[in-house]
Protein backbone atom coordinates (compact mmCIF):
# COMPACT_ATOMS: atom_id res chain seq x y z
CA UNK A 1 120.76 146.86 65.39
CA UNK A 2 122.17 143.49 66.48
CA UNK A 3 118.73 142.27 67.59
CA UNK A 4 117.27 143.42 64.27
CA UNK A 5 119.75 141.19 62.43
CA UNK A 6 118.66 138.27 64.60
CA UNK A 7 115.01 138.96 63.73
CA UNK A 8 115.93 138.95 60.05
CA UNK A 9 117.82 135.69 60.53
CA UNK A 10 114.78 134.08 62.19
CA UNK A 11 112.52 135.32 59.39
CA UNK A 12 114.85 133.85 56.75
CA UNK A 13 114.97 130.58 58.67
CA UNK A 14 111.20 130.31 58.43
CA UNK A 15 111.31 130.98 54.69
CA UNK A 16 114.10 128.44 54.30
CA UNK A 17 112.16 125.70 56.09
CA UNK A 18 109.12 126.38 53.91
CA UNK A 19 111.13 125.10 50.96
CA UNK A 20 113.61 127.79 49.91
CA UNK A 21 116.70 125.67 50.45
CA UNK A 22 120.04 127.42 50.88
CA UNK A 23 118.81 130.43 52.85
CA UNK A 24 119.94 128.71 56.03
CA UNK A 25 123.46 129.79 55.15
CA UNK A 26 122.50 133.43 55.56
CA UNK A 27 120.74 132.63 58.83
CA UNK A 28 123.99 131.21 60.18
CA UNK A 29 125.95 134.26 59.01
CA UNK A 30 123.53 136.81 60.50
CA UNK A 31 123.46 135.07 63.87
CA UNK A 32 127.24 134.72 63.85
CA UNK A 33 127.51 138.50 63.44
CA UNK A 34 125.71 138.98 66.75
CA UNK A 35 127.06 135.92 68.55
CA UNK A 36 130.31 134.05 68.17
CA UNK A 37 130.04 131.14 65.71
CA UNK A 38 129.80 128.25 68.15
CA UNK A 39 127.36 129.93 70.55
CA UNK A 40 125.08 130.86 67.66
CA UNK A 41 124.55 127.16 66.93
CA UNK A 42 122.93 126.78 70.35
CA UNK A 43 120.58 129.72 69.80
CA UNK A 44 119.66 128.36 66.38
CA UNK A 45 118.87 124.79 67.48
CA UNK A 46 115.46 125.42 69.14
CA UNK A 47 114.45 127.61 66.20
CA UNK A 48 115.40 124.90 63.73
CA UNK A 49 113.32 122.31 65.57
CA UNK A 50 110.37 124.71 65.75
CA UNK A 51 110.53 125.31 62.00
CA UNK A 52 111.04 121.59 61.36
CA UNK A 53 107.78 120.86 63.19
CA UNK A 54 105.86 123.18 60.87
CA UNK A 55 107.61 121.71 57.80
CA UNK A 56 106.95 118.03 58.57
CA UNK A 57 103.27 118.74 59.22
CA UNK A 58 102.79 120.75 56.04
CA UNK A 59 104.79 118.34 53.82
CA UNK A 60 103.67 115.15 55.60
CA UNK A 61 102.44 113.58 52.34
CA UNK A 62 105.60 114.41 50.38
CA UNK A 63 108.25 112.14 51.90
CA UNK A 64 110.46 109.56 50.17
CA UNK A 65 111.25 107.36 53.17
CA UNK A 66 113.60 105.12 51.18
CA UNK A 67 115.92 108.00 50.29
CA UNK A 68 115.69 109.38 53.83
CA UNK A 69 116.82 106.12 55.45
CA UNK A 70 119.61 105.72 52.91
CA UNK A 71 121.34 108.87 54.10
CA UNK A 72 120.19 109.06 57.75
CA UNK A 73 122.56 106.49 59.39
CA UNK A 74 125.69 108.07 57.92
CA UNK A 75 124.40 111.52 58.82
CA UNK A 76 123.96 110.53 62.47
CA UNK A 77 127.48 109.13 62.51
CA UNK A 78 128.72 112.40 60.99
CA UNK A 79 127.03 114.28 63.85
CA UNK A 80 128.95 112.18 66.39
CA UNK A 81 132.20 112.92 64.58
CA UNK A 82 131.32 116.63 64.57
CA UNK A 83 130.67 116.53 68.32
CA UNK A 84 134.10 115.01 68.95
CA UNK A 85 136.05 117.25 66.57
CA UNK A 86 134.08 120.40 67.31
CA UNK A 87 135.22 120.54 70.93
CA UNK A 88 138.82 121.03 69.80
CA UNK A 89 138.27 123.42 66.88
CA UNK A 90 139.23 127.03 67.73
CA UNK A 91 136.31 129.45 67.41
CA UNK A 92 138.14 131.42 64.71
CA UNK A 93 138.31 128.31 62.51
CA UNK A 94 134.58 127.54 62.58
CA UNK A 95 133.80 130.11 59.89
CA UNK A 96 136.54 128.83 57.55
CA UNK A 97 135.36 125.26 57.87
CA UNK A 98 131.76 126.30 57.17
CA UNK A 99 132.78 128.22 54.06
CA UNK A 100 134.90 125.43 52.57
CA UNK A 101 132.15 122.86 53.15
CA UNK A 102 129.43 124.95 51.54
CA UNK A 103 131.55 126.21 48.64
CA UNK A 104 132.65 122.68 47.72
CA UNK A 105 129.09 121.38 47.94
CA UNK A 106 127.74 124.16 45.74
CA UNK A 107 130.13 123.38 42.92
CA UNK A 108 129.38 119.67 43.30
CA UNK A 109 125.70 120.49 42.80
CA UNK A 110 126.58 122.41 39.63
CA UNK A 111 128.70 119.48 38.43
CA UNK A 112 125.95 116.89 38.89
CA UNK A 113 123.31 119.16 37.40
CA UNK A 114 125.35 119.39 34.19
CA UNK A 115 126.00 115.65 34.00
CA UNK A 116 123.71 113.31 32.14
CA UNK A 117 121.15 111.68 34.37
CA UNK A 118 122.57 108.21 33.69
CA UNK A 119 125.87 109.23 35.27
CA UNK A 120 124.38 110.56 38.49
CA UNK A 121 125.67 108.47 41.44
CA UNK A 122 122.92 106.50 43.17
CA UNK A 123 124.87 103.81 45.03
CA UNK A 124 125.09 103.37 48.78
CA UNK A 125 128.54 104.98 48.75
CA UNK A 126 127.09 108.28 47.54
CA UNK A 127 124.43 108.36 50.27
CA UNK A 128 127.09 107.45 52.84
CA UNK A 129 129.50 110.16 51.69
CA UNK A 130 126.81 112.84 51.61
CA UNK A 131 125.43 111.67 54.96
CA UNK A 132 128.81 111.88 56.68
CA UNK A 133 129.45 115.33 55.23
CA UNK A 134 125.96 116.55 56.16
CA UNK A 135 126.19 115.20 59.71
CA UNK A 136 129.56 116.81 60.33
CA UNK A 137 128.46 120.10 58.77
CA UNK A 138 125.23 120.27 60.75
CA UNK A 139 126.99 119.72 64.07
CA UNK A 140 129.80 122.17 63.34
CA UNK A 141 127.66 125.00 62.00
CA UNK A 142 124.09 123.95 61.12
CA UNK A 143 125.12 123.79 57.47
CA UNK A 144 124.09 120.26 56.51
CA UNK A 145 121.77 121.72 53.88
CA UNK A 146 124.56 121.98 51.34
CA UNK A 147 125.28 118.24 51.40
CA UNK A 148 121.64 117.19 51.72
CA UNK A 149 120.69 119.49 48.83
CA UNK A 150 123.43 117.93 46.72
CA UNK A 151 122.16 114.45 47.57
CA UNK A 152 118.53 115.13 46.67
CA UNK A 153 119.41 117.30 43.68
CA UNK A 154 121.64 114.58 42.21
CA UNK A 155 118.80 112.07 42.51
CA UNK A 156 116.55 114.43 40.54
CA UNK A 157 113.49 114.09 42.77
CA UNK A 158 110.51 116.48 42.35
CA UNK A 159 110.41 119.76 44.28
CA UNK A 160 107.80 118.78 46.88
CA UNK A 161 109.44 115.39 47.55
CA UNK A 162 112.77 117.21 47.86
CA UNK A 163 111.34 119.59 50.47
CA UNK A 164 109.26 117.03 52.36
CA UNK A 165 112.00 114.40 52.61
CA UNK A 166 114.65 116.87 53.73
CA UNK A 167 112.18 118.31 56.28
CA UNK A 168 111.83 114.95 58.01
CA UNK A 169 115.54 114.25 57.69
CA UNK A 170 116.51 117.46 59.49
CA UNK A 171 113.79 117.07 62.10
CA UNK A 172 115.22 113.69 63.13
CA UNK A 173 118.82 114.85 63.01
CA UNK A 174 118.18 118.07 64.92
CA UNK A 175 116.48 116.13 67.72
CA UNK A 176 119.51 113.82 67.77
CA UNK A 177 121.84 116.82 68.06
CA UNK A 178 119.93 118.48 70.88
CA UNK A 179 121.45 116.58 73.85
CA UNK A 180 124.98 117.25 72.60
CA UNK A 181 124.34 120.98 72.49
CA UNK A 182 122.92 120.87 76.02
CA UNK A 183 125.26 118.48 77.82
CA UNK A 184 128.49 118.33 75.79
CA UNK A 185 129.06 121.72 74.13
CA UNK A 186 126.76 123.52 76.60
CA UNK A 187 125.71 125.96 73.88
CA UNK A 188 122.05 125.65 74.92
CA UNK A 189 121.26 127.14 78.32
CA UNK A 190 118.64 129.35 79.94
CA UNK A 191 120.11 132.49 78.39
CA UNK A 192 120.24 131.04 74.87
CA UNK A 193 116.68 129.66 75.17
CA UNK A 194 115.35 133.08 76.18
CA UNK A 195 117.14 134.62 73.18
CA UNK A 196 115.70 131.95 70.89
CA UNK A 197 112.22 132.56 72.29
CA UNK A 198 112.37 136.21 71.29
CA UNK A 199 112.94 135.13 67.69
CA UNK A 200 110.34 132.35 67.43
CA UNK A 201 107.48 134.48 66.09
CA UNK A 202 109.62 135.66 63.16
CA UNK A 203 110.35 132.03 62.23
CA UNK A 204 106.61 131.32 62.05
CA UNK A 205 105.92 134.43 59.97
CA UNK A 206 108.75 133.56 57.59
CA UNK A 207 107.46 130.01 57.17
CA UNK A 208 103.95 131.24 56.37
CA UNK A 209 105.21 133.72 53.75
CA UNK A 210 107.59 131.16 52.27
CA UNK A 211 104.75 128.72 51.66
CA UNK A 212 102.95 131.37 49.65
CA UNK A 213 106.00 132.00 47.48
CA UNK A 214 107.43 128.50 46.92
CA UNK A 215 104.45 127.41 44.81
CA UNK A 216 105.57 129.78 42.05
CA UNK A 217 108.87 127.95 41.49
CA UNK A 218 108.87 125.16 38.91
CA UNK A 219 111.08 122.10 39.41
CA UNK A 220 113.75 123.42 37.05
CA UNK A 221 113.79 126.91 38.53
CA UNK A 222 113.91 125.36 42.00
CA UNK A 223 117.03 123.34 41.15
CA UNK A 224 118.84 126.32 39.69
CA UNK A 225 117.88 128.43 42.70
CA UNK A 226 119.32 125.85 45.13
CA UNK A 227 122.66 125.74 43.31
CA UNK A 228 123.05 129.51 42.96
CA UNK A 229 122.04 130.38 46.52
CA UNK A 230 124.40 127.75 47.95
CA UNK A 231 127.44 129.09 46.09
CA UNK A 232 126.57 132.70 46.96
CA UNK A 233 126.18 131.68 50.60
CA UNK A 234 129.63 130.11 50.68
CA UNK A 235 131.19 133.31 49.36
CA UNK A 236 129.31 135.37 51.98
CA UNK A 237 130.57 133.15 54.79
CA UNK A 238 134.16 133.28 53.57
CA UNK A 239 134.33 137.06 53.36
CA UNK A 240 132.20 137.77 56.43
């Protein structure tokens, strides 16, 4: 049963990376059911990078490099802060931190979506704030999607640009995180890599199916989906 949940998590990860943002939250929850929260981040890392590779190839023409490099430096700094803080956070607190981060981000998405476009923040401070939050969240629990989604959603970019830009962003950041998982937290080892390898095929299948489904979502439906799934995910994490 526990392995079945991991297969489902890998399948959902593939769908998430195809463009269905927010499903990554449920991937984290399902893996955390089988593995303790911090160890699950190590199992997830190779799978994330695998899915990122498929995403950046498929969406290679749909990247807004300007927006990516606005948020990337702060996000990398947030990762470093997460590495430092994460070593001292008790395992039991990981889940609470994840939930608070995602829940807050979801309601921020809803707030910006309801605001007039002229009031949407577009200054460097907004990219810096979202980048720091995303970097910290991705290192603590692979949950940067909530902050990154808020950033791109607030800027009102089209669906494919949203997906393509975030795909490259997470590919770069996940590669940056990899050495810390191996040498600092030691969450990636031979045992975790073998476990990840057993799940890889389900990631690929999920990605393929997700590509077939994402085309049916309009820009407006896509935005509403991202907000709703993020808030639901935060509730699931909190009560898990």
